[in-house]
Amino acid sequence: MIKKAIKAFRNLLSAILFLILILTTLTVMISKASGGEPNVFGYQFKTVLSGSMEPSIQTGSVIAVKTVEENKRFQKGDIITFINEDDLLITHRVIEVKSNESRISYITKGDNNDGADREPVLPQNVKAEYTGFTLPYVGYFLNLVNSKIGSALLLIIPGLLLITYSIFTIWKALSEIDRKKEQESFLERSSS
């Protein structure tokens, strides 16, 4: 009974290590293929690198944003992701919608900032809308994945764990075979 439990535990451990290796490989591949930000079912996951939206969104969090096609529909209080004048992606709250004749622009502000952003956001610069989904501290992990060293570590470490476990399993099996041979040899000498 104990041997069956140990064998089941070993099989489970092997499966878990193999699954971790596959998941980390997929995470790295998806992250690299999508330009650094994973995209799942039309949702993009963005890493929050500053505290401008605290306490609503913590630094180091990963947020889910939905890509927008109709970018003239936002209202005061919506949180949008846009490209600023320096070509950086920013996620801030709309504090005012300005419209005159056929032109709309959004005045945005980080919740933790003292004042509004310098430039109004034009609708064509709005790329996504915050969905309200946040994973605290996961952004630090994604930044690690996006680095060369992190990518290598996330592929190498689970692989090394799997290889180490395989070597240990083979060693245990060989030890068991040697033990059985020694018992058979001892029984043959005892009976002669």
Foldseek 3Di string as FASTA:
>chain_A
DVVVVVVVVLVVVLVVLVVLLVVLLVLLVQCVVVPRWHADPQKTWDAAQDCLQPPLAHHQKIFIWHFDDPQPPDDAQWWFWFQDPVRDTDTFTFHDWDDDDHFIWTWTGHPNDPDIDPDTHGSVGTTTTTPSDMDHNCSVLSVLSPDPVSVVCSNPVSVVVSVVSVVVVVVVVVVVVVVVVVVVVVVVVVVD
